[in-house]
Amino acid sequence: MKFSFKSLITIFYLVIIGCEQTINKEVILIPDNFSGYAVIVYNQSEGMKEHVINDKVIYKFPKNGFLMVQGQGYVTNQLLNEYYYYGNNNLKPLCLFNKKKETACNNIIFNQYSGSFQSNANLEKLVYVMLVVGNKELKEKFDASRLPEMVRNYKRENHIASD
């Protein structure tokens, strides 16, 4: 059996693509009774390594709602993602807010926004996702200019040397 160069390249490409892990949904774990802005900052070498199980990436937020991760984030369908409060070895589902549909949920994800912030060209660009979590919409707007301070605080609290 003789393979052409083009056939070998095609087979090699299919094997490589077949080995690449596809992420279809995110599982977001929020500490029990957390209310406010939950923020994930991506591309942080000092951050947590994502936990990937099957086709899901799991993000577990600490009590302060600020999570730094090493990866660059995944493109998923927000409607397929799962959101939970965690604590005492149990999970309580959180619902996505939908203006058109009544919900029996007391705790809701009101909004999910992704963006980036860079205070000047000499500093790192911070890529993030922000979620509004709780039982009511927040009046105070999220201020992305606070992200560098939040990253510094994270490093200080976790005894990581700053740049």
N, C-alpha and C. Protein backbone atom coordinates (compact mmCIF):
# COMPACT_ATOMS: atom_id res chain seq x y z
N MET A 1 0.86 -1.17 0.00
CA MET A 1 0.00 0.00 0.00
C MET A 1 0.90 1.23 0.00
N LYS A 2 0.68 2.11 -0.95
CA LYS A 2 1.52 3.28 -1.11
C LYS A 2 0.70 4.55 -0.87
N PHE A 3 1.24 5.42 0.00
CA PHE A 3 0.57 6.68 0.31
C PHE A 3 1.32 7.83 -0.34
N SER A 4 0.56 8.77 -0.86
CA SER A 4 1.19 9.98 -1.39
C SER A 4 1.53 10.91 -0.23
N PHE A 5 2.40 11.85 -0.46
CA PHE A 5 2.77 12.82 0.57
C PHE A 5 1.54 13.58 1.05
N LYS A 6 0.68 13.93 0.11
CA LYS A 6 -0.55 14.67 0.44
C LYS A 6 -1.44 13.83 1.36
N SER A 7 -1.55 12.53 1.10
CA SER A 7 -2.36 11.65 1.94
C SER A 7 -1.79 11.55 3.34
N LEU A 8 -0.46 11.43 3.44
CA LEU A 8 0.18 11.34 4.76
C LEU A 8 -0.05 12.62 5.56
N ILE A 9 0.06 13.77 4.92
CA ILE A 9 -0.17 15.04 5.60
C ILE A 9 -1.62 15.12 6.08
N THR A 10 -2.55 14.70 5.25
CA THR A 10 -3.97 14.72 5.61
C THR A 10 -4.23 13.81 6.82
N ILE A 11 -3.68 12.61 6.80
CA ILE A 11 -3.86 11.68 7.93
C ILE A 11 -3.25 12.26 9.20
N PHE A 12 -2.04 12.80 9.08
CA PHE A 12 -1.37 13.41 10.23
C PHE A 12 -2.22 14.54 10.80
N TYR A 13 -2.74 15.40 9.94
CA TYR A 13 -3.58 16.53 10.36
C TYR A 13 -4.82 16.03 11.10
N LEU A 14 -5.49 14.99 10.56
CA LEU A 14 -6.69 14.46 11.19
C LEU A 14 -6.39 13.85 12.56
N VAL A 15 -5.24 13.19 12.69
CA VAL A 15 -4.85 12.61 13.98
C VAL A 15 -4.61 13.72 14.99
N ILE A 16 -3.90 14.77 14.59
CA ILE A 16 -3.62 15.89 15.50
C ILE A 16 -4.92 16.58 15.90
N ILE A 17 -5.77 16.87 14.94
CA ILE A 17 -7.05 17.53 15.24
C ILE A 17 -7.91 16.63 16.12
N GLY A 18 -7.90 15.34 15.87
CA GLY A 18 -8.69 14.40 16.67
C GLY A 18 -8.22 14.33 18.10
N CYS A 19 -6.94 14.63 18.36
CA CYS A 19 -6.40 14.58 19.72
C CYS A 19 -6.66 15.87 20.49
N GLU A 20 -7.01 16.92 19.80
CA GLU A 20 -7.24 18.19 20.47
C GLU A 20 -8.55 18.12 21.24
N GLN A 21 -8.53 18.59 22.47
CA GLN A 21 -9.70 18.52 23.32
C GLN A 21 -10.67 19.65 22.98
N THR A 22 -11.92 19.28 22.83
CA THR A 22 -12.96 20.27 22.55
C THR A 22 -13.70 20.57 23.85
N ILE A 23 -13.84 21.86 24.15
CA ILE A 23 -14.57 22.28 25.33
C ILE A 23 -15.93 22.80 24.87
N ASN A 24 -17.00 22.19 25.35
CA ASN A 24 -18.34 22.59 24.94
C ASN A 24 -19.08 23.41 25.98
N LYS A 25 -18.65 23.31 27.24
CA LYS A 25 -19.35 24.08 28.26
C LYS A 25 -18.42 24.38 29.42
N GLU A 26 -18.80 25.40 30.18
CA GLU A 26 -18.10 25.76 31.40
C GLU A 26 -19.00 25.44 32.58
N VAL A 27 -18.39 24.97 33.65
CA VAL A 27 -19.10 24.78 34.91
C VAL A 27 -18.51 25.80 35.86
N ILE A 28 -19.34 26.73 36.30
CA ILE A 28 -18.90 27.83 37.15
C ILE A 28 -19.36 27.54 38.58
N LEU A 29 -18.39 27.45 39.49
CA LEU A 29 -18.69 27.19 40.91
C LEU A 29 -18.42 28.45 41.71
N ILE A 30 -19.46 28.98 42.33
CA ILE A 30 -19.42 30.23 43.09
C ILE A 30 -19.60 29.88 44.57
N PRO A 31 -18.83 30.49 45.49
CA PRO A 31 -19.01 30.19 46.92
C PRO A 31 -20.44 30.47 47.39
N ASP A 32 -20.92 29.62 48.29
CA ASP A 32 -22.25 29.79 48.87
C ASP A 32 -22.50 31.23 49.30
N ASN A 33 -23.68 31.73 48.98
CA ASN A 33 -24.15 33.06 49.39
C ASN A 33 -23.35 34.21 48.81
N PHE A 34 -22.47 33.96 47.84
CA PHE A 34 -21.74 35.06 47.21
C PHE A 34 -22.72 35.92 46.42
N SER A 35 -22.55 37.22 46.51
CA SER A 35 -23.35 38.15 45.74
C SER A 35 -22.43 39.27 45.30
N GLY A 36 -22.47 39.59 44.02
CA GLY A 36 -21.62 40.66 43.51
C GLY A 36 -21.00 40.28 42.19
N TYR A 37 -19.85 40.89 41.90
CA TYR A 37 -19.14 40.61 40.66
C TYR A 37 -18.15 39.48 40.87
N ALA A 38 -18.29 38.43 40.08
CA ALA A 38 -17.32 37.34 40.05
C ALA A 38 -16.51 37.54 38.78
N VAL A 39 -15.18 37.56 38.91
CA VAL A 39 -14.32 37.90 37.78
C VAL A 39 -13.27 36.81 37.57
N ILE A 40 -13.12 36.39 36.30
CA ILE A 40 -12.03 35.49 35.90
C ILE A 40 -11.07 36.31 35.05
N VAL A 41 -9.78 36.28 35.37
CA VAL A 41 -8.75 36.92 34.54
C VAL A 41 -7.92 35.79 33.94
N TYR A 42 -7.79 35.80 32.61
CA TYR A 42 -7.11 34.74 31.87
C TYR A 42 -5.64 35.08 31.61
N ASN A 43 -4.90 34.07 31.14
CA ASN A 43 -3.50 34.21 30.71
C ASN A 43 -2.58 34.65 31.84
N GLN A 44 -2.81 34.16 33.03
CA GLN A 44 -2.00 34.54 34.18
C GLN A 44 -1.15 33.35 34.61
N SER A 45 0.15 33.43 34.41
CA SER A 45 1.03 32.31 34.73
C SER A 45 0.95 31.94 36.21
N GLU A 46 0.62 32.90 37.07
CA GLU A 46 0.51 32.64 38.51
C GLU A 46 -0.87 32.12 38.89
N GLY A 47 -1.77 32.06 37.92
CA GLY A 47 -3.14 31.66 38.21
C GLY A 47 -3.31 30.16 38.34
N MET A 48 -4.55 29.77 38.61
CA MET A 48 -4.90 28.36 38.74
C MET A 48 -4.91 27.69 37.37
N LYS A 49 -4.59 26.43 37.36
CA LYS A 49 -4.71 25.64 36.13
C LYS A 49 -6.17 25.20 36.04
N GLU A 50 -6.75 25.32 34.85
CA GLU A 50 -8.15 24.93 34.68
C GLU A 50 -8.29 23.42 34.87
N HIS A 51 -9.43 23.02 35.42
CA HIS A 51 -9.76 21.61 35.54
C HIS A 51 -10.68 21.26 34.38
N VAL A 52 -10.24 20.36 33.52
CA VAL A 52 -11.04 19.95 32.37
C VAL A 52 -11.44 18.49 32.56
N ILE A 53 -12.74 18.25 32.52
CA ILE A 53 -13.28 16.90 32.63
C ILE A 53 -14.22 16.69 31.45
N ASN A 54 -13.89 15.68 30.66
CA ASN A 54 -14.63 15.38 29.42
C ASN A 54 -14.63 16.64 28.55
N ASP A 55 -15.79 17.19 28.26
CA ASP A 55 -15.86 18.37 27.40
C ASP A 55 -16.17 19.64 28.19
N LYS A 56 -15.92 19.60 29.52
CA LYS A 56 -16.26 20.73 30.39
C LYS A 56 -15.00 21.28 31.05
N VAL A 57 -14.93 22.61 31.15
CA VAL A 57 -13.89 23.24 31.96
C VAL A 57 -14.58 23.74 33.23
N ILE A 58 -13.94 23.50 34.36
CA ILE A 58 -14.54 23.85 35.65
C ILE A 58 -13.75 25.00 36.28
N TYR A 59 -14.45 26.08 36.60
CA TYR A 59 -13.86 27.23 37.28
C TYR A 59 -14.46 27.30 38.68
N LYS A 60 -13.61 27.18 39.70
CA LYS A 60 -14.07 27.26 41.08
C LYS A 60 -13.54 28.55 41.69
N PHE A 61 -14.46 29.47 41.97
CA PHE A 61 -14.10 30.77 42.51
C PHE A 61 -13.78 30.68 44.00
N PRO A 62 -12.79 31.45 44.46
CA PRO A 62 -12.57 31.57 45.91
C PRO A 62 -13.65 32.47 46.51
N LYS A 63 -13.63 32.62 47.83
CA LYS A 63 -14.67 33.38 48.54
C LYS A 63 -14.79 34.84 48.09
N ASN A 64 -13.68 35.45 47.63
CA ASN A 64 -13.75 36.86 47.23
C ASN A 64 -14.28 37.05 45.81
N GLY A 65 -14.53 35.98 45.05
CA GLY A 65 -15.10 36.10 43.72
C GLY A 65 -14.11 36.50 42.65
N PHE A 66 -12.81 36.44 42.93
CA PHE A 66 -11.79 36.83 41.96
C PHE A 66 -10.91 35.63 41.67
N LEU A 67 -10.87 35.20 40.40
CA LEU A 67 -10.14 34.01 40.00
C LEU A 67 -9.18 34.33 38.87
N MET A 68 -7.92 33.97 39.04
CA MET A 68 -6.93 34.11 37.97
C MET A 68 -6.62 32.70 37.47
N VAL A 69 -6.61 32.53 36.13
CA VAL A 69 -6.34 31.22 35.55
C VAL A 69 -5.22 31.32 34.53
N GLN A 70 -4.54 30.20 34.31
CA GLN A 70 -3.41 30.17 33.38
C GLN A 70 -3.86 30.17 31.92
N GLY A 71 -4.98 29.55 31.63
CA GLY A 71 -5.43 29.40 30.25
C GLY A 71 -6.00 30.67 29.66
N GLN A 72 -6.31 30.59 28.38
CA GLN A 72 -6.80 31.76 27.66
C GLN A 72 -8.32 31.82 27.55
N GLY A 73 -9.00 30.88 28.15
CA GLY A 73 -10.46 30.88 28.09
C GLY A 73 -10.96 30.12 26.88
N TYR A 74 -12.21 29.77 26.91
CA TYR A 74 -12.82 28.98 25.85
C TYR A 74 -14.06 29.70 25.35
N VAL A 75 -14.38 29.46 24.09
CA VAL A 75 -15.62 30.00 23.53
C VAL A 75 -16.67 28.91 23.71
N THR A 76 -17.67 29.21 24.53
CA THR A 76 -18.75 28.25 24.77
C THR A 76 -20.08 28.97 24.62
N ASN A 77 -21.13 28.20 24.53
CA ASN A 77 -22.48 28.76 24.49
C ASN A 77 -22.92 29.00 25.92
N GLN A 78 -23.12 30.24 26.29
CA GLN A 78 -23.49 30.59 27.66
C GLN A 78 -24.75 29.86 28.13
N LEU A 79 -25.65 29.56 27.22
CA LEU A 79 -26.89 28.87 27.60
C LEU A 79 -26.64 27.42 27.98
N LEU A 80 -25.51 26.84 27.54
CA LEU A 80 -25.17 25.46 27.90
C LEU A 80 -24.34 25.38 29.17
N ASN A 81 -23.75 26.51 29.57
CA ASN A 81 -22.91 26.52 30.77
C ASN A 81 -23.75 26.21 32.01
N GLU A 82 -23.08 25.71 33.04
CA GLU A 82 -23.74 25.39 34.30
C GLU A 82 -23.16 26.27 35.39
N TYR A 83 -24.03 26.77 36.27
CA TYR A 83 -23.64 27.68 37.34
C TYR A 83 -24.16 27.13 38.66
N TYR A 84 -23.28 27.07 39.68
CA TYR A 84 -23.67 26.52 40.97
C TYR A 84 -23.05 27.32 42.10
N TYR A 85 -23.78 27.38 43.22
CA TYR A 85 -23.19 27.75 44.50
C TYR A 85 -22.59 26.46 45.06
N TYR A 86 -21.43 26.57 45.70
CA TYR A 86 -20.84 25.39 46.35
C TYR A 86 -20.55 25.68 47.81
N GLY A 87 -20.57 24.62 48.61
CA GLY A 87 -20.26 24.71 50.03
C GLY A 87 -20.77 23.47 50.74
N ASN A 88 -20.10 23.08 51.82
CA ASN A 88 -20.51 21.91 52.62
C ASN A 88 -20.79 20.68 51.75
N ASN A 89 -19.93 20.45 50.78
CA ASN A 89 -20.01 19.28 49.90
C ASN A 89 -21.32 19.17 49.11
N ASN A 90 -21.96 20.31 48.82
CA ASN A 90 -23.14 20.24 47.98
C ASN A 90 -23.12 21.39 46.96
N LEU A 91 -23.89 21.22 45.91
CA LEU A 91 -24.02 22.23 44.86
C LEU A 91 -25.48 22.66 44.78
N LYS A 92 -25.70 23.98 44.69
CA LYS A 92 -27.05 24.51 44.48
C LYS A 92 -27.04 25.25 43.14
N PRO A 93 -27.93 24.88 42.24
CA PRO A 93 -27.91 25.52 40.91
C PRO A 93 -28.25 27.01 40.97
N LEU A 94 -27.58 27.75 40.11
CA LEU A 94 -27.90 29.16 39.87
C LEU A 94 -28.56 29.22 38.50
N CYS A 95 -29.48 30.14 38.31
CA CYS A 95 -30.18 30.27 37.04
C CYS A 95 -29.67 31.47 36.27
N LEU A 96 -29.76 31.39 34.95
CA LEU A 96 -29.47 32.55 34.12
C LEU A 96 -30.69 33.44 34.09
N PHE A 97 -30.48 34.74 34.21
CA PHE A 97 -31.58 35.70 34.19
C PHE A 97 -32.17 35.76 32.78
N ASN A 98 -33.48 35.74 32.71
CA ASN A 98 -34.18 35.84 31.44
C ASN A 98 -35.39 36.74 31.66
N LYS A 99 -35.36 37.94 31.07
CA LYS A 99 -36.44 38.91 31.26
C LYS A 99 -37.78 38.38 30.78
N LYS A 100 -37.75 37.49 29.78
CA LYS A 100 -38.99 37.02 29.18
C LYS A 100 -39.61 35.84 29.91
N LYS A 101 -38.87 35.27 30.87
CA LYS A 101 -39.35 34.05 31.50
C LYS A 101 -39.24 34.16 33.02
N GLU A 102 -40.31 33.86 33.72
CA GLU A 102 -40.29 33.83 35.18
C GLU A 102 -39.44 32.65 35.63
N THR A 103 -38.76 32.81 36.74
CA THR A 103 -37.95 31.73 37.26
C THR A 103 -38.22 31.54 38.74
N ALA A 104 -38.11 30.31 39.19
CA ALA A 104 -38.29 30.01 40.60
C ALA A 104 -36.99 30.13 41.37
N CYS A 105 -35.92 30.46 40.67
CA CYS A 105 -34.60 30.56 41.32
C CYS A 105 -34.51 31.82 42.17
N ASN A 106 -33.93 31.67 43.35
CA ASN A 106 -33.66 32.82 44.21
C ASN A 106 -32.31 33.45 43.87
N ASN A 107 -31.42 32.66 43.33
CA ASN A 107 -30.07 33.15 43.02
C ASN A 107 -29.82 33.02 41.53
N ILE A 108 -29.34 34.10 40.96
CA ILE A 108 -29.32 34.23 39.50
C ILE A 108 -27.99 34.77 39.03
N ILE A 109 -27.59 34.35 37.83
CA ILE A 109 -26.52 35.00 37.09
C ILE A 109 -27.22 36.04 36.22
N PHE A 110 -27.05 37.32 36.53
CA PHE A 110 -27.76 38.37 35.80
C PHE A 110 -27.10 38.72 34.49
N ASN A 111 -25.78 38.60 34.44
CA ASN A 111 -25.08 39.04 33.24
C ASN A 111 -23.73 38.35 33.19
N GLN A 112 -23.24 38.16 31.99
CA GLN A 112 -21.89 37.66 31.80
C GLN A 112 -21.28 38.50 30.69
N TYR A 113 -20.16 39.13 31.00
CA TYR A 113 -19.55 40.05 30.07
C TYR A 113 -18.07 39.71 29.95
N SER A 114 -17.55 39.72 28.75
CA SER A 114 -16.11 39.51 28.58
C SER A 114 -15.50 40.76 27.98
N GLY A 115 -14.26 41.01 28.35
CA GLY A 115 -13.59 42.20 27.85
C GLY A 115 -12.10 42.14 28.15
N SER A 116 -11.46 43.25 27.92
CA SER A 116 -10.03 43.36 28.24
C SER A 116 -9.76 44.77 28.74
N PHE A 117 -8.68 44.90 29.50
CA PHE A 117 -8.30 46.21 30.04
C PHE A 117 -6.78 46.33 29.99
N GLN A 118 -6.33 47.47 29.52
CA GLN A 118 -4.90 47.78 29.50
C GLN A 118 -4.76 49.27 29.79
N SER A 119 -4.17 49.60 30.95
CA SER A 119 -4.11 51.00 31.35
C SER A 119 -3.14 51.81 30.49
N ASN A 120 -2.07 51.18 30.00
CA ASN A 120 -1.21 51.84 29.02
C ASN A 120 -0.45 50.78 28.23
N ALA A 121 0.17 51.18 27.14
CA ALA A 121 0.80 50.25 26.21
C ALA A 121 1.95 49.47 26.83
N ASN A 122 2.54 49.96 27.92
CA ASN A 122 3.66 49.28 28.56
C ASN A 122 3.24 48.19 29.53
N LEU A 123 1.95 48.14 29.86
CA LEU A 123 1.47 47.16 30.83
C LEU A 123 0.72 46.02 30.15
N GLU A 124 0.61 44.93 30.87
CA GLU A 124 -0.07 43.74 30.37
C GLU A 124 -1.55 44.02 30.11
N LYS A 125 -2.05 43.45 29.01
CA LYS A 125 -3.47 43.51 28.72
C LYS A 125 -4.16 42.40 29.50
N LEU A 126 -5.14 42.75 30.30
CA LEU A 126 -5.86 41.79 31.13
C LEU A 126 -7.17 41.41 30.44
N VAL A 127 -7.30 40.14 30.09
CA VAL A 127 -8.50 39.61 29.45
C VAL A 127 -9.34 38.96 30.54
N TYR A 128 -10.62 39.29 30.58
CA TYR A 128 -11.45 38.84 31.70
C TYR A 128 -12.87 38.52 31.29
N VAL A 129 -13.54 37.80 32.17
CA VAL A 129 -14.99 37.58 32.11
C VAL A 129 -15.53 38.00 33.47
N MET A 130 -16.62 38.72 33.45
CA MET A 130 -17.25 39.21 34.68
C MET A 130 -18.68 38.68 34.70
N LEU A 131 -19.08 38.13 35.86
CA LEU A 131 -20.45 37.66 36.06
C LEU A 131 -21.09 38.46 37.18
N VAL A 132 -22.35 38.78 37.04
CA VAL A 132 -23.11 39.42 38.11
C VAL A 132 -23.92 38.32 38.78
N VAL A 133 -23.64 38.07 40.07
CA VAL A 133 -24.23 36.95 40.80
C VAL A 133 -25.02 37.46 41.99
N GLY A 134 -26.17 36.86 42.25
CA GLY A 134 -26.92 37.20 43.45
C GLY A 134 -28.41 37.05 43.27
N ASN A 135 -29.15 37.80 44.07
CA ASN A 135 -30.60 37.74 43.97
C ASN A 135 -31.20 39.06 43.52
N LYS A 136 -30.34 40.00 43.13
CA LYS A 136 -30.82 41.26 42.55
C LYS A 136 -29.70 41.88 41.71
N GLU A 137 -30.10 42.69 40.76
CA GLU A 137 -29.11 43.36 39.94
C GLU A 137 -28.33 44.36 40.80
N LEU A 138 -27.07 44.56 40.47
CA LEU A 138 -26.23 45.48 41.22
C LEU A 138 -26.37 46.89 40.67
N LYS A 139 -26.40 47.86 41.56
CA LYS A 139 -26.50 49.25 41.13
C LYS A 139 -25.13 49.80 40.73
N GLU A 140 -24.10 49.33 41.43
CA GLU A 140 -22.74 49.80 41.17
C GLU A 140 -22.19 49.10 39.93
N LYS A 141 -21.67 49.86 38.98
CA LYS A 141 -21.11 49.28 37.75
C LYS A 141 -19.73 48.69 38.02
N PHE A 142 -19.39 47.66 37.25
CA PHE A 142 -18.06 47.06 37.35
C PHE A 142 -17.03 48.01 36.75
N ASP A 143 -15.95 48.24 37.46
CA ASP A 143 -14.90 49.15 37.02
C ASP A 143 -13.67 48.34 36.63
N ALA A 144 -13.49 48.12 35.33
CA ALA A 144 -12.37 47.31 34.83
C ALA A 144 -11.02 47.94 35.15
N SER A 145 -10.97 49.24 35.42
CA SER A 145 -9.69 49.87 35.74
C SER A 145 -9.15 49.38 37.09
N ARG A 146 -9.98 48.68 37.87
CA ARG A 146 -9.53 48.11 39.15
C ARG A 146 -8.84 46.76 38.97
N LEU A 147 -8.87 46.19 37.77
CA LEU A 147 -8.30 44.87 37.55
C LEU A 147 -6.81 44.78 37.91
N PRO A 148 -5.95 45.73 37.50
CA PRO A 148 -4.53 45.61 37.90
C PRO A 148 -4.36 45.54 39.41
N GLU A 149 -5.14 46.33 40.15
CA GLU A 149 -5.08 46.30 41.62
C GLU A 149 -5.55 44.94 42.15
N MET A 150 -6.59 44.38 41.55
CA MET A 150 -7.10 43.08 41.96
C MET A 150 -6.05 41.99 41.72
N VAL A 151 -5.34 42.07 40.60
CA VAL A 151 -4.27 41.11 40.29
C VAL A 151 -3.14 41.24 41.32
N ARG A 152 -2.75 42.47 41.62
CA ARG A 152 -1.69 42.69 42.64
C ARG A 152 -2.11 42.12 44.00
N ASN A 153 -3.35 42.38 44.39
CA ASN A 153 -3.86 41.86 45.67
C ASN A 153 -3.84 40.33 45.69
N TYR A 154 -4.25 39.73 44.57
CA TYR A 154 -4.25 38.27 44.46
C TYR A 154 -2.83 37.74 44.67
N LYS A 155 -1.87 38.37 44.01
CA LYS A 155 -0.47 37.92 44.13
C LYS A 155 0.03 38.09 45.56
N ARG A 156 -0.31 39.21 46.18
CA ARG A 156 0.13 39.47 47.55
C ARG A 156 -0.49 38.45 48.51
N GLU A 157 -1.80 38.22 48.38
CA GLU A 157 -2.49 37.30 49.26
C GLU A 157 -2.02 35.85 49.08
N ASN A 158 -1.52 35.53 47.90
CA ASN A 158 -1.06 34.17 47.62
C ASN A 158 0.45 34.07 47.62
N HIS A 159 1.12 35.12 48.14
CA HIS A 159 2.57 35.15 48.29
C HIS A 159 3.30 34.87 46.97
N ILE A 160 2.86 35.55 45.92
CA ILE A 160 3.48 35.45 44.61
C ILE A 160 4.25 36.73 44.35
N ALA A 161 5.51 36.61 43.96
CA ALA A 161 6.34 37.79 43.69
C ALA A 161 5.74 38.57 42.51
N SER A 162 5.64 39.88 42.66
CA SER A 162 5.14 40.74 41.57
C SER A 162 6.26 41.06 40.61
N ASP A 163 5.84 41.40 39.38
CA ASP A 163 6.82 41.78 38.35
C ASP A 163 7.47 43.10 38.65
